[in-house]
Amino acid sequence: MSGDSDCTRTSPSAGSPSDNEFFPDRPKYVCSLSPDLVTKAREELQEKPEWRLRDVQALRDMVCKDYPSLGTCLDDAFLLRFLRARKFDYDRALQLLVNYHTCRRSWPEVFNNLKPSAIKPVLESGFVTVLPHLDPEGRHVVCIRPDRWTPSNYPITENIRAIYLTLEKLIQSEETQVNGIVILADYKGVSLSKASHFGPFVAKKVIGILQDGFPIRIKAVNIINEPRIFKGIFAIIKPFLKEKIANRFFLHGCDLNSLHQNIPPVILPEEYGGTAGKLDTSAWNELLLSSEEDFLHDFSALVLPCDSSPHDMLVSGDADEKQCDDSLRGMKPQLYYCY
């Protein structure tokens, strides 16, 4: 995910030198997808191998023309993430890329000093991890356990930072770019006081990132052990969800058989009725922490200049914050009622 953001050149015409000839230091893309995944990407994402680099170049040219000060990485592999996430629709991929940077600029509490070592306490708590085995569709399962968080230890934004870095690590894989991910959220023991930290302002920010500001395909969100208070939490979240994403939420309660209809027991830990042994977060923690230098290198290319004001951004600033504060005042009675 490295590369220059030099946008001074013009779009190459037919027969002109390739982008790698313009920038010989830019890594040359080599596809790592299996033949089956190449076929899947063609059928589901409209990705044609013979046109892939042409499509990447088209997106690169649009960035250089419309957002010359965006400060983004322009490597083939990096831009390809955004094309895949938007099924090779150039305009939607460009907007996703702009939103990706806008989200990082607009929430400094989350994105300043963003590196694995900075969120080590969250990782050690077991709040977020990735199960060691893929599901039958080749998707990683991200396991989130809010009960592992003690609000007096650190703010909720630290949890969001940990989730974001987890997604950044996963999306480096081309297989994940094509197959997407599955989320398993265990709400066992979530109290009213803990739920109150996740108000509409935080909800809008998080949902905005996951839906419109990050190049990943979330194929299912499985909620397990949700208490009555979750009705209030979901009431906060749902207004910000697109219909397609809302339809991918599955509330299982304490019914493990229901969960197993979506995630087979063979890949689940014993805690969720699976046969894959005890849930062990150490392997994922070690992998993420060992990627520190990679993240520092990658993120160094993703700085949005302070004097840059790209149009059509996802986040509109103070107005949204005020609106969400007003919404929170209306939601609090509902939270107490559900509890």
C-alpha atoms as a PDB file:
ATOM      1  CA  MET A   1       0.000   0.000   0.000  1.00  0.00           C
ATOM      2  CA  SER A   2       2.873   2.301  -0.693  1.00  0.00           C
ATOM      3  CA  GLY A   3       3.280   4.777  -3.502  1.00  0.00           C
ATOM      4  CA  ASP A   4       3.564   8.398  -4.591  1.00  0.00           C
ATOM      5  CA  SER A   5       0.601  10.708  -4.977  1.00  0.00           C
ATOM      6  CA  ASP A   6       2.136  12.603  -7.895  1.00  0.00           C
ATOM      7  CA  CYS A   7      -0.727  13.584 -10.181  1.00  0.00           C
ATOM      8  CA  THR A   8       1.070  15.920 -12.534  1.00  0.00           C
ATOM      9  CA  ARG A   9       1.063  13.686 -15.579  1.00  0.00           C
ATOM     10  CA  THR A  10      -1.793  13.514 -18.086  1.00  0.00           C
ATOM     11  CA  SER A  11      -3.826  10.462 -18.960  1.00  0.00           C
ATOM     12  CA  PRO A  12      -1.873   8.177 -21.292  1.00  0.00           C
ATOM     13  CA  SER A  13      -3.251   7.768 -24.758  1.00  0.00           C
ATOM     14  CA  ALA A  14      -3.260   4.511 -26.648  1.00  0.00           C
ATOM     15  CA  GLY A  15       0.255   3.336 -27.261  1.00  0.00           C
ATOM     16  CA  SER A  16       1.744   5.639 -24.625  1.00  0.00           C
ATOM     17  CA  PRO A  17       4.093   4.353 -21.894  1.00  0.00           C
ATOM     18  CA  SER A  18       2.536   2.391 -19.065  1.00  0.00           C
ATOM     19  CA  ASP A  19       2.132   3.833 -15.585  1.00  0.00           C
ATOM     20  CA  ASN A  20       4.982   1.699 -14.318  1.00  0.00           C
ATOM     21  CA  GLU A  21       7.220   3.291 -16.939  1.00  0.00           C
ATOM     22  CA  PHE A  22       6.236   6.742 -15.648  1.00  0.00           C
ATOM     23  CA  PHE A  23       6.903   5.655 -12.051  1.00  0.00           C
ATOM     24  CA  PRO A  24       9.360   2.732 -12.135  1.00  0.00           C
ATOM     25  CA  ASP A  25       9.469   2.571  -8.310  1.00  0.00           C
ATOM     26  CA  ARG A  26       5.748   1.859  -8.084  1.00  0.00           C
ATOM     27  CA  PRO A  27       5.142  -1.843  -7.326  1.00  0.00           C
ATOM     28  CA  LYS A  28       3.901  -3.832 -10.282  1.00  0.00           C
ATOM     29  CA  TYR A  29       0.637  -5.620  -9.587  1.00  0.00           C
ATOM     30  CA  VAL A  30       0.672  -9.413  -9.748  1.00  0.00           C
ATOM     31  CA  CYS A  31      -2.664 -11.156  -9.262  1.00  0.00           C
ATOM     32  CA  SER A  32      -2.664 -13.720  -6.433  1.00  0.00           C
ATOM     33  CA  LEU A  33      -6.222 -14.966  -6.942  1.00  0.00           C
ATOM     34  CA  SER A  34      -6.858 -18.629  -7.662  1.00  0.00           C
ATOM     35  CA  PRO A  35      -8.617 -19.497 -10.948  1.00  0.00           C
ATOM     36  CA  ASP A  36     -11.862 -20.062  -9.011  1.00  0.00           C
ATOM     37  CA  LEU A  37     -11.648 -16.629  -7.396  1.00  0.00           C
ATOM     38  CA  VAL A  38     -10.812 -15.010 -10.739  1.00  0.00           C
ATOM     39  CA  THR A  39     -14.056 -16.509 -12.021  1.00  0.00           C
ATOM     40  CA  LYS A  40     -15.950 -15.383  -8.914  1.00  0.00           C
ATOM     41  CA  ALA A  41     -14.594 -11.846  -9.257  1.00  0.00           C
ATOM     42  CA  ARG A  42     -15.669 -11.794 -12.897  1.00  0.00           C
ATOM     43  CA  GLU A  43     -19.198 -12.980 -12.088  1.00  0.00           C
ATOM     44  CA  GLU A  44     -19.840 -11.033  -8.871  1.00  0.00           C
ATOM     45  CA  LEU A  45     -17.640  -7.946  -9.176  1.00  0.00           C
ATOM     46  CA  GLN A  46     -17.554  -7.414 -12.953  1.00  0.00           C
ATOM     47  CA  GLU A  47     -13.758  -7.770 -12.812  1.00  0.00           C
ATOM     48  CA  LYS A  48     -12.249  -8.731 -16.152  1.00  0.00           C
ATOM     49  CA  PRO A  49      -8.582  -9.772 -15.859  1.00  0.00           C
ATOM     50  CA  GLU A  50      -7.841  -8.541 -19.349  1.00  0.00           C
ATOM     51  CA  TRP A  51      -9.156  -5.055 -18.445  1.00  0.00           C
ATOM     52  CA  ARG A  52      -8.034  -4.933 -14.804  1.00  0.00           C
ATOM     53  CA  LEU A  53      -5.021  -2.647 -15.199  1.00  0.00           C
ATOM     54  CA  ARG A  54      -6.902  -0.444 -17.659  1.00  0.00           C
ATOM     55  CA  ASP A  55      -9.618   0.012 -15.017  1.00  0.00           C
ATOM     56  CA  VAL A  56      -7.038   0.815 -12.344  1.00  0.00           C
ATOM     57  CA  GLN A  57      -5.461   3.379 -14.642  1.00  0.00           C
ATOM     58  CA  ALA A  58      -8.855   4.969 -15.278  1.00  0.00           C
ATOM     59  CA  LEU A  59      -9.442   5.367 -11.549  1.00  0.00           C
ATOM     60  CA  ARG A  60      -5.925   6.756 -11.080  1.00  0.00           C
ATOM     61  CA  ASP A  61      -6.525   9.337 -13.789  1.00  0.00           C
ATOM     62  CA  MET A  62      -9.811  10.383 -12.178  1.00  0.00           C
ATOM     63  CA  VAL A  63      -8.063  10.908  -8.842  1.00  0.00           C
ATOM     64  CA  CYS A  64      -5.360  13.002 -10.475  1.00  0.00           C
ATOM     65  CA  LYS A  65      -7.892  15.099 -12.362  1.00  0.00           C
ATOM     66  CA  ASP A  66     -10.583  15.616  -9.720  1.00  0.00           C
ATOM     67  CA  TYR A  67      -8.627  15.316  -6.430  1.00  0.00           C
ATOM     68  CA  PRO A  68      -4.995  16.213  -7.133  1.00  0.00           C
ATOM     69  CA  SER A  69      -4.386  17.091  -3.453  1.00  0.00           C
ATOM     70  CA  LEU A  70      -5.999  14.010  -1.961  1.00  0.00           C
ATOM     71  CA  GLY A  71      -2.652  12.623  -0.828  1.00  0.00           C
ATOM     72  CA  THR A  72      -3.575   9.046  -1.605  1.00  0.00           C
ATOM     73  CA  CYS A  73      -1.564   6.009  -2.561  1.00  0.00           C
ATOM     74  CA  LEU A  74      -1.869   5.310  -6.292  1.00  0.00           C
ATOM     75  CA  ASP A  75      -0.439   1.805  -6.462  1.00  0.00           C
ATOM     76  CA  ASP A  76      -2.363  -0.672  -8.597  1.00  0.00           C
ATOM     77  CA  ALA A  77      -3.036  -3.035  -5.683  1.00  0.00           C
ATOM     78  CA  PHE A  78      -4.330  -0.242  -3.442  1.00  0.00           C
ATOM     79  CA  LEU A  79      -6.706   1.253  -6.010  1.00  0.00           C
ATOM     80  CA  LEU A  80      -7.921  -2.202  -6.959  1.00  0.00           C
ATOM     81  CA  ARG A  81      -9.432  -2.600  -3.477  1.00  0.00           C
ATOM     82  CA  PHE A  82     -11.791   0.276  -4.148  1.00  0.00           C
ATOM     83  CA  LEU A  83     -12.758  -0.938  -7.608  1.00  0.00           C
ATOM     84  CA  ARG A  84     -13.600  -4.386  -6.263  1.00  0.00           C
ATOM     85  CA  ALA A  85     -15.602  -2.957  -3.376  1.00  0.00           C
ATOM     86  CA  ARG A  86     -17.769  -1.044  -5.876  1.00  0.00           C
ATOM     87  CA  LYS A  87     -17.928  -3.676  -8.603  1.00  0.00           C
ATOM     88  CA  PHE A  88     -15.651  -1.711 -10.953  1.00  0.00           C
ATOM     89  CA  ASP A  89     -17.955   1.288 -11.138  1.00  0.00           C
ATOM     90  CA  TYR A  90     -15.388   4.061 -11.583  1.00  0.00           C
ATOM     91  CA  ASP A  91     -17.474   6.859 -10.085  1.00  0.00           C
ATOM     92  CA  ARG A  92     -18.518   4.870  -7.023  1.00  0.00           C
ATOM     93  CA  ALA A  93     -14.963   3.614  -6.504  1.00  0.00           C
ATOM     94  CA  LEU A  94     -13.667   7.182  -6.641  1.00  0.00           C
ATOM     95  CA  GLN A  95     -16.246   8.352  -4.103  1.00  0.00           C
ATOM     96  CA  LEU A  96     -15.337   5.467  -1.816  1.00  0.00           C
ATOM     97  CA  LEU A  97     -11.664   6.436  -2.032  1.00  0.00           C
ATOM     98  CA  VAL A  98     -12.460  10.060  -1.203  1.00  0.00           C
ATOM     99  CA  ASN A  99     -14.692   8.972   1.682  1.00  0.00           C
ATOM    100  CA  TYR A 100     -11.936   6.706   2.968  1.00  0.00           C
ATOM    101  CA  HIS A 101      -9.636   9.702   3.322  1.00  0.00           C
ATOM    102  CA  THR A 102     -12.354  11.990   4.642  1.00  0.00           C
ATOM    103  CA  CYS A 103     -13.219   9.570   7.420  1.00  0.00           C
ATOM    104  CA  ARG A 104      -9.577   9.422   8.453  1.00  0.00           C
ATOM    105  CA  ARG A 105      -9.328  13.220   8.511  1.00  0.00           C
ATOM    106  CA  SER A 106     -12.625  13.921  10.282  1.00  0.00           C
ATOM    107  CA  TRP A 107     -12.160  11.721  13.357  1.00  0.00           C
ATOM    108  CA  PRO A 108      -8.727  12.422  14.871  1.00  0.00           C
ATOM    109  CA  GLU A 109      -9.570  10.564  18.088  1.00  0.00           C
ATOM    110  CA  VAL A 110      -9.614   7.367  16.032  1.00  0.00           C
ATOM    111  CA  PHE A 111      -7.045   7.978  13.317  1.00  0.00           C
ATOM    112  CA  ASN A 112      -4.255   9.915  14.997  1.00  0.00           C
ATOM    113  CA  ASN A 113      -1.314   7.677  15.931  1.00  0.00           C
ATOM    114  CA  LEU A 114      -3.159   4.687  14.483  1.00  0.00           C
ATOM    115  CA  LYS A 115      -0.899   1.651  14.853  1.00  0.00           C
ATOM    116  CA  PRO A 116      -1.172  -1.810  16.466  1.00  0.00           C
ATOM    117  CA  SER A 117       1.002  -1.023  19.490  1.00  0.00           C
ATOM    118  CA  ALA A 118      -1.267   1.906  20.367  1.00  0.00           C
ATOM    119  CA  ILE A 119      -4.284  -0.394  20.761  1.00  0.00           C
ATOM    120  CA  LYS A 120      -2.472  -3.254  22.499  1.00  0.00           C
ATOM    121  CA  PRO A 121      -4.706  -3.051  25.627  1.00  0.00           C
ATOM    122  CA  VAL A 122      -7.782  -3.556  23.432  1.00  0.00           C
ATOM    123  CA  LEU A 123      -6.222  -6.563  21.737  1.00  0.00           C
ATOM    124  CA  GLU A 124      -5.199  -8.058  25.075  1.00  0.00           C
ATOM    125  CA  SER A 125      -8.750  -7.648  26.386  1.00  0.00           C
ATOM    126  CA  GLY A 126     -10.079  -9.892  23.614  1.00  0.00           C
ATOM    127  CA  PHE A 127     -12.576  -7.272  22.431  1.00  0.00           C
ATOM    128  CA  VAL A 128     -11.892  -8.061  18.768  1.00  0.00           C
ATOM    129  CA  THR A 129     -10.213 -10.979  17.056  1.00  0.00           C
ATOM    130  CA  VAL A 130     -10.385 -13.009  13.856  1.00  0.00           C
ATOM    131  CA  LEU A 131     -11.240 -16.695  13.995  1.00  0.00           C
ATOM    132  CA  PRO A 132      -8.433 -18.900  12.645  1.00  0.00           C
ATOM    133  CA  HIS A 133     -10.587 -20.725  10.079  1.00  0.00           C
ATOM    134  CA  LEU A 134     -12.440 -19.423   7.019  1.00  0.00           C
ATOM    135  CA  ASP A 135     -16.124 -20.126   6.503  1.00  0.00           C
ATOM    136  CA  PRO A 136     -17.307 -22.294   3.559  1.00  0.00           C
ATOM    137  CA  GLU A 137     -17.418 -19.191   1.330  1.00  0.00           C
ATOM    138  CA  GLY A 138     -13.760 -18.421   2.035  1.00  0.00           C
ATOM    139  CA  ARG A 139     -14.549 -15.497   4.337  1.00  0.00           C
ATOM    140  CA  HIS A 140     -12.781 -14.494   7.543  1.00  0.00           C
ATOM    141  CA  VAL A 141     -14.980 -14.222  10.638  1.00  0.00           C
ATOM    142  CA  VAL A 142     -14.338 -11.142  12.769  1.00  0.00           C
ATOM    143  CA  CYS A 143     -15.410 -11.792  16.365  1.00  0.00           C
ATOM    144  CA  ILE A 144     -16.363  -8.778  18.507  1.00  0.00           C
ATOM    145  CA  ARG A 145     -17.115  -9.116  22.234  1.00  0.00           C
ATOM    146  CA  PRO A 146     -18.218  -5.827  23.830  1.00  0.00           C
ATOM    147  CA  ASP A 147     -18.381  -7.435  27.278  1.00  0.00           C
ATOM    148  CA  ARG A 148     -14.570  -7.543  27.268  1.00  0.00           C
ATOM    149  CA  TRP A 149     -14.418  -3.749  27.343  1.00  0.00           C
ATOM    150  CA  THR A 150     -14.204  -1.861  30.640  1.00  0.00           C
ATOM    151  CA  PRO A 151     -15.159   1.787  29.911  1.00  0.00           C
ATOM    152  CA  SER A 152     -13.112   3.101  32.829  1.00  0.00           C
ATOM    153  CA  ASN A 153      -9.940   1.718  31.216  1.00  0.00           C
ATOM    154  CA  TYR A 154     -10.158   3.571  27.887  1.00  0.00           C
ATOM    155  CA  PRO A 155     -12.781   5.294  25.696  1.00  0.00           C
ATOM    156  CA  ILE A 156     -14.929   3.545  23.103  1.00  0.00           C
ATOM    157  CA  THR A 157     -12.845   5.086  20.321  1.00  0.00           C
ATOM    158  CA  GLU A 158     -10.011   2.702  21.236  1.00  0.00           C
ATOM    159  CA  ASN A 159     -12.292  -0.222  20.360  1.00  0.00           C
ATOM    160  CA  ILE A 160     -13.103   1.395  17.036  1.00  0.00           C
ATOM    161  CA  ARG A 161      -9.385   1.838  16.331  1.00  0.00           C
ATOM    162  CA  ALA A 162      -8.810  -1.863  16.981  1.00  0.00           C
ATOM    163  CA  ILE A 163     -11.636  -2.876  14.658  1.00  0.00           C
ATOM    164  CA  TYR A 164     -10.360  -0.532  11.947  1.00  0.00           C
ATOM    165  CA  LEU A 165      -6.824  -1.909  12.087  1.00  0.00           C
ATOM    166  CA  THR A 166      -8.232  -5.432  11.975  1.00  0.00           C
ATOM    167  CA  LEU A 167     -10.116  -4.589   8.783  1.00  0.00           C
ATOM    168  CA  GLU A 168      -7.055  -2.898   7.294  1.00  0.00           C
ATOM    169  CA  LYS A 169      -5.045  -6.043   7.874  1.00  0.00           C
ATOM    170  CA  LEU A 170      -7.712  -8.312   6.413  1.00  0.00           C
ATOM    171  CA  ILE A 171      -8.262  -6.226   3.282  1.00  0.00           C
ATOM    172  CA  GLN A 172      -4.618  -6.601   2.299  1.00  0.00           C
ATOM    173  CA  SER A 173      -5.622 -10.071   1.087  1.00  0.00           C
ATOM    174  CA  GLU A 174      -7.042 -10.240  -2.418  1.00  0.00           C
ATOM    175  CA  GLU A 175      -9.109 -13.226  -1.325  1.00  0.00           C
ATOM    176  CA  THR A 176     -10.847 -11.035   1.271  1.00  0.00           C
ATOM    177  CA  GLN A 177     -11.373  -8.286  -1.291  1.00  0.00           C
ATOM    178  CA  VAL A 178     -13.343 -10.763  -3.406  1.00  0.00           C
ATOM    179  CA  ASN A 179     -15.028 -12.918  -0.754  1.00  0.00           C
ATOM    180  CA  GLY A 180     -15.754 -10.278   1.888  1.00  0.00           C
ATOM    181  CA  ILE A 181     -15.984 -10.907   5.626  1.00  0.00           C
ATOM    182  CA  VAL A 182     -18.497 -12.061   8.224  1.00  0.00           C
ATOM    183  CA  ILE A 183     -18.939 -10.419  11.621  1.00  0.00           C
ATOM    184  CA  LEU A 184     -19.862 -12.327  14.788  1.00  0.00           C
ATOM    185  CA  ALA A 185     -20.798  -9.988  17.654  1.00  0.00           C
ATOM    186  CA  ASP A 186     -21.394 -11.455  21.113  1.00  0.00           C
ATOM    187  CA  TYR A 187     -23.421  -9.033  23.249  1.00  0.00           C
ATOM    188  CA  LYS A 188     -23.481 -11.179  26.344  1.00  0.00           C
ATOM    189  CA  GLY A 189     -23.367  -9.053  29.494  1.00  0.00           C
ATOM    190  CA  VAL A 190     -23.716  -5.672  27.753  1.00  0.00           C
ATOM    191  CA  SER A 191     -25.282  -3.302  30.278  1.00  0.00           C
ATOM    192  CA  LEU A 192     -27.186  -0.053  29.887  1.00  0.00           C
ATOM    193  CA  SER A 193     -24.213   1.976  31.096  1.00  0.00           C
ATOM    194  CA  LYS A 194     -21.966   0.375  28.500  1.00  0.00           C
ATOM    195  CA  ALA A 195     -24.528   0.753  25.722  1.00  0.00           C
ATOM    196  CA  SER A 196     -24.881   4.473  26.473  1.00  0.00           C
ATOM    197  CA  HIS A 197     -21.348   5.026  25.145  1.00  0.00           C
ATOM    198  CA  PHE A 198     -22.533   4.040  21.674  1.00  0.00           C
ATOM    199  CA  GLY A 199     -24.747   7.042  20.914  1.00  0.00           C
ATOM    200  CA  PRO A 200     -26.008   8.218  17.513  1.00  0.00           C
ATOM    201  CA  PHE A 201     -22.919  10.339  16.819  1.00  0.00           C
ATOM    202  CA  VAL A 202     -20.558   7.381  17.275  1.00  0.00           C
ATOM    203  CA  ALA A 203     -23.012   5.077  15.477  1.00  0.00           C
ATOM    204  CA  LYS A 204     -23.224   7.385  12.468  1.00  0.00           C
ATOM    205  CA  LYS A 205     -19.444   7.642  12.251  1.00  0.00           C
ATOM    206  CA  VAL A 206     -18.872   3.888  12.512  1.00  0.00           C
ATOM    207  CA  ILE A 207     -21.650   2.949  10.083  1.00  0.00           C
ATOM    208  CA  GLY A 208     -20.457   5.649   7.685  1.00  0.00           C
ATOM    209  CA  ILE A 209     -16.983   4.140   7.652  1.00  0.00           C
ATOM    210  CA  LEU A 210     -18.152   0.557   7.221  1.00  0.00           C
ATOM    211  CA  GLN A 211     -20.753   1.337   4.532  1.00  0.00           C
ATOM    212  CA  ASP A 212     -19.230   4.194   2.586  1.00  0.00           C
ATOM    213  CA  GLY A 213     -15.674   4.761   3.761  1.00  0.00           C
ATOM    214  CA  PHE A 214     -13.833   1.459   3.686  1.00  0.00           C
ATOM    215  CA  PRO A 215     -13.203  -0.941   0.774  1.00  0.00           C
ATOM    216  CA  ILE A 216     -14.529  -4.134   2.331  1.00  0.00           C
ATOM    217  CA  ARG A 217     -17.590  -6.267   1.643  1.00  0.00           C
ATOM    218  CA  ILE A 218     -19.485  -7.154   4.832  1.00  0.00           C
ATOM    219  CA  LYS A 219     -21.559 -10.168   3.845  1.00  0.00           C
ATOM    220  CA  ALA A 220     -23.244 -10.934   7.187  1.00  0.00           C
ATOM    221  CA  VAL A 221     -23.460  -9.605  10.761  1.00  0.00           C
ATOM    222  CA  ASN A 222     -24.407 -12.301  13.253  1.00  0.00           C
ATOM    223  CA  ILE A 223     -25.520 -11.075  16.681  1.00  0.00           C
ATOM    224  CA  ILE A 224     -25.464 -13.623  19.507  1.00  0.00           C
ATOM    225  CA  ASN A 225     -26.533 -13.410  23.162  1.00  0.00           C
ATOM    226  CA  GLU A 226     -28.071  -9.985  22.675  1.00  0.00           C
ATOM    227  CA  PRO A 227     -29.877  -8.707  25.810  1.00  0.00           C
ATOM    228  CA  ARG A 228     -33.072  -6.670  25.786  1.00  0.00           C
ATOM    229  CA  ILE A 229     -30.979  -3.518  25.683  1.00  0.00           C
ATOM    230  CA  PHE A 230     -29.889  -4.452  22.163  1.00  0.00           C
ATOM    231  CA  LYS A 231     -33.283  -3.335  20.902  1.00  0.00           C
ATOM    232  CA  GLY A 232     -32.267   0.158  21.917  1.00  0.00           C
ATOM    233  CA  ILE A 233     -28.789  -0.213  20.412  1.00  0.00           C
ATOM    234  CA  PHE A 234     -30.217  -1.438  17.119  1.00  0.00           C
ATOM    235  CA  ALA A 235     -32.720   1.425  17.140  1.00  0.00           C
ATOM    236  CA  ILE A 236     -29.736   3.786  17.165  1.00  0.00           C
ATOM    237  CA  ILE A 237     -27.923   1.911  14.398  1.00  0.00           C
ATOM    238  CA  LYS A 238     -30.755   1.103  11.991  1.00  0.00           C
ATOM    239  CA  PRO A 239     -31.499   4.636  10.694  1.00  0.00           C
ATOM    240  CA  PHE A 240     -27.952   4.817   9.378  1.00  0.00           C
ATOM    241  CA  LEU A 241     -28.001   1.407   7.675  1.00  0.00           C
ATOM    242  CA  LYS A 242     -28.699   0.922   4.003  1.00  0.00           C
ATOM    243  CA  GLU A 243     -31.400  -1.628   3.319  1.00  0.00           C
ATOM    244  CA  LYS A 244     -28.931  -4.104   1.816  1.00  0.00           C
ATOM    245  CA  ILE A 245     -26.753  -4.028   4.941  1.00  0.00           C
ATOM    246  CA  ALA A 246     -29.725  -4.062   7.327  1.00  0.00           C
ATOM    247  CA  ASN A 247     -30.931  -7.262   5.658  1.00  0.00           C
ATOM    248  CA  ARG A 248     -27.590  -8.895   6.450  1.00  0.00           C
ATOM    249  CA  PHE A 249     -28.104  -8.587  10.219  1.00  0.00           C
ATOM    250  CA  PHE A 250     -29.095 -11.843  11.902  1.00  0.00           C
ATOM    251  CA  LEU A 251     -30.210 -11.788  15.547  1.00  0.00           C
ATOM    252  CA  HIS A 252     -29.799 -15.235  17.085  1.00  0.00           C
ATOM    253  CA  GLY A 253     -30.367 -14.560  20.781  1.00  0.00           C
ATOM    254  CA  CYS A 254     -29.079 -17.546  22.752  1.00  0.00           C
ATOM    255  CA  ASP A 255     -29.993 -19.991  19.979  1.00  0.00           C
ATOM    256  CA  LEU A 256     -26.707 -21.587  18.913  1.00  0.00           C
ATOM    257  CA  ASN A 257     -28.513 -23.770  16.381  1.00  0.00           C
ATOM    258  CA  SER A 258     -29.656 -20.590  14.652  1.00  0.00           C
ATOM    259  CA  LEU A 259     -26.089 -19.275  14.633  1.00  0.00           C
ATOM    260  CA  HIS A 260     -24.873 -22.562  13.157  1.00  0.00           C
ATOM    261  CA  GLN A 261     -27.180 -22.084  10.191  1.00  0.00           C
ATOM    262  CA  ASN A 262     -25.003 -19.125   9.217  1.00  0.00           C
ATOM    263  CA  ILE A 263     -21.598 -20.128  10.585  1.00  0.00           C
ATOM    264  CA  PRO A 264     -20.833 -23.864  10.715  1.00  0.00           C
ATOM    265  CA  PRO A 265     -19.732 -25.324  14.075  1.00  0.00           C
ATOM    266  CA  VAL A 266     -16.548 -26.721  12.524  1.00  0.00           C
ATOM    267  CA  ILE A 267     -14.996 -23.224  12.400  1.00  0.00           C
ATOM    268  CA  LEU A 268     -16.516 -21.893  15.636  1.00  0.00           C
ATOM    269  CA  PRO A 269     -14.840 -22.064  19.064  1.00  0.00           C
ATOM    270  CA  GLU A 270     -16.375 -24.053  21.897  1.00  0.00           C
ATOM    271  CA  GLU A 271     -17.832 -20.875  23.409  1.00  0.00           C
ATOM    272  CA  TYR A 272     -20.296 -20.762  20.515  1.00  0.00           C
ATOM    273  CA  GLY A 273     -21.072 -24.453  20.292  1.00  0.00           C
ATOM    274  CA  GLY A 274     -18.284 -25.127  17.825  1.00  0.00           C
ATOM    275  CA  THR A 275     -15.662 -27.837  17.503  1.00  0.00           C
ATOM    276  CA  ALA A 276     -12.611 -25.643  16.792  1.00  0.00           C
ATOM    277  CA  GLY A 277     -11.335 -25.580  20.380  1.00  0.00           C
ATOM    278  CA  LYS A 278     -11.280 -22.728  22.865  1.00  0.00           C
ATOM    279  CA  LEU A 279     -11.345 -19.194  21.518  1.00  0.00           C
ATOM    280  CA  ASP A 280      -7.716 -18.072  21.358  1.00  0.00           C
ATOM    281  CA  THR A 281      -7.019 -14.427  20.535  1.00  0.00           C
ATOM    282  CA  SER A 282      -3.230 -14.617  20.847  1.00  0.00           C
ATOM    283  CA  ALA A 283      -2.494 -15.673  17.260  1.00  0.00           C
ATOM    284  CA  TRP A 284      -4.382 -12.733  15.741  1.00  0.00           C
ATOM    285  CA  ASN A 285      -2.910 -10.308  18.269  1.00  0.00           C
ATOM    286  CA  GLU A 286       0.610 -11.442  17.395  1.00  0.00           C
ATOM    287  CA  LEU A 287      -0.074 -11.136  13.669  1.00  0.00           C
ATOM    288  CA  LEU A 288      -1.451  -7.617  14.017  1.00  0.00           C
ATOM    289  CA  LEU A 289       1.292  -6.422  16.372  1.00  0.00           C
ATOM    290  CA  SER A 290       3.978  -7.865  14.100  1.00  0.00           C
ATOM    291  CA  SER A 291       2.594  -5.688  11.273  1.00  0.00           C
ATOM    292  CA  GLU A 292       3.519  -2.435  13.021  1.00  0.00           C
ATOM    293  CA  GLU A 293       6.166  -1.366  10.520  1.00  0.00           C
ATOM    294  CA  ASP A 294       3.923  -2.229   7.581  1.00  0.00           C
ATOM    295  CA  PHE A 295       1.144  -0.027   8.943  1.00  0.00           C
ATOM    296  CA  LEU A 296       3.509   2.854   9.638  1.00  0.00           C
ATOM    297  CA  HIS A 297       4.804   2.634   6.072  1.00  0.00           C
ATOM    298  CA  ASP A 298       1.374   2.238   4.507  1.00  0.00           C
ATOM    299  CA  PHE A 299      -0.363   4.986   6.464  1.00  0.00           C
ATOM    300  CA  SER A 300       2.445   7.441   5.760  1.00  0.00           C
ATOM    301  CA  ALA A 301       1.065   7.683   2.207  1.00  0.00           C
ATOM    302  CA  LEU A 302      -2.470   8.409   3.409  1.00  0.00           C
ATOM    303  CA  VAL A 303      -2.284  11.927   4.821  1.00  0.00           C
ATOM    304  CA  LEU A 304      -4.971  14.329   3.630  1.00  0.00           C
ATOM    305  CA  PRO A 305      -3.469  17.844   3.484  1.00  0.00           C
ATOM    306  CA  CYS A 306      -5.052  20.283   5.949  1.00  0.00           C
ATOM    307  CA  ASP A 307      -5.694  22.852   3.213  1.00  0.00           C
ATOM    308  CA  SER A 308      -7.465  20.339   0.987  1.00  0.00           C
ATOM    309  CA  SER A 309     -11.252  20.479   0.818  1.00  0.00           C
ATOM    310  CA  PRO A 310     -12.472  17.767  -1.565  1.00  0.00           C
ATOM    311  CA  HIS A 311     -16.125  18.101  -2.470  1.00  0.00           C
ATOM    312  CA  ASP A 312     -18.917  15.564  -1.939  1.00  0.00           C
ATOM    313  CA  MET A 313     -17.405  14.281   1.287  1.00  0.00           C
ATOM    314  CA  LEU A 314     -19.165  11.723   3.437  1.00  0.00           C
ATOM    315  CA  VAL A 315     -18.886  13.622   6.715  1.00  0.00           C
ATOM    316  CA  SER A 316     -20.342  17.110   7.061  1.00  0.00           C
ATOM    317  CA  GLY A 317     -18.866  18.053  10.418  1.00  0.00           C
ATOM    318  CA  ASP A 318     -20.529  20.105  13.122  1.00  0.00           C
ATOM    319  CA  ALA A 319     -24.014  19.959  11.613  1.00  0.00           C
ATOM    320  CA  ASP A 320     -24.009  16.167  11.756  1.00  0.00           C
ATOM    321  CA  GLU A 321     -22.698  16.215  15.316  1.00  0.00           C
ATOM    322  CA  LYS A 322     -25.471  18.561  16.438  1.00  0.00           C
ATOM    323  CA  GLN A 323     -28.098  16.470  14.655  1.00  0.00           C
ATOM    324  CA  CYS A 324     -26.801  13.305  16.284  1.00  0.00           C
ATOM    325  CA  ASP A 325     -26.750  14.964  19.712  1.00  0.00           C
ATOM    326  CA  ASP A 326     -30.406  15.882  19.211  1.00  0.00           C
ATOM    327  CA  SER A 327     -31.133  12.291  18.181  1.00  0.00           C
ATOM    328  CA  LEU A 328     -29.363  10.988  21.265  1.00  0.00           C
ATOM    329  CA  ARG A 329     -31.656  12.949  23.549  1.00  0.00           C
ATOM    330  CA  GLY A 330     -34.590  11.266  21.859  1.00  0.00           C
ATOM    331  CA  MET A 331     -33.019   7.802  21.961  1.00  0.00           C
ATOM    332  CA  LYS A 332     -32.070   7.706  25.646  1.00  0.00           C
ATOM    333  CA  PRO A 333     -35.629   7.097  26.886  1.00  0.00           C
ATOM    334  CA  GLN A 334     -35.873   4.189  24.446  1.00  0.00           C
ATOM    335  CA  LEU A 335     -32.660   2.690  25.794  1.00  0.00           C
ATOM    336  CA  TYR A 336     -33.982   2.853  29.340  1.00  0.00           C
ATOM    337  CA  TYR A 337     -37.327   1.407  28.258  1.00  0.00           C
ATOM    338  CA  CYS A 338     -35.656  -1.585  26.555  1.00  0.00           C
ATOM    339  CA  TYR A 339     -33.457  -2.169  29.543  1.00  0.00           C
END
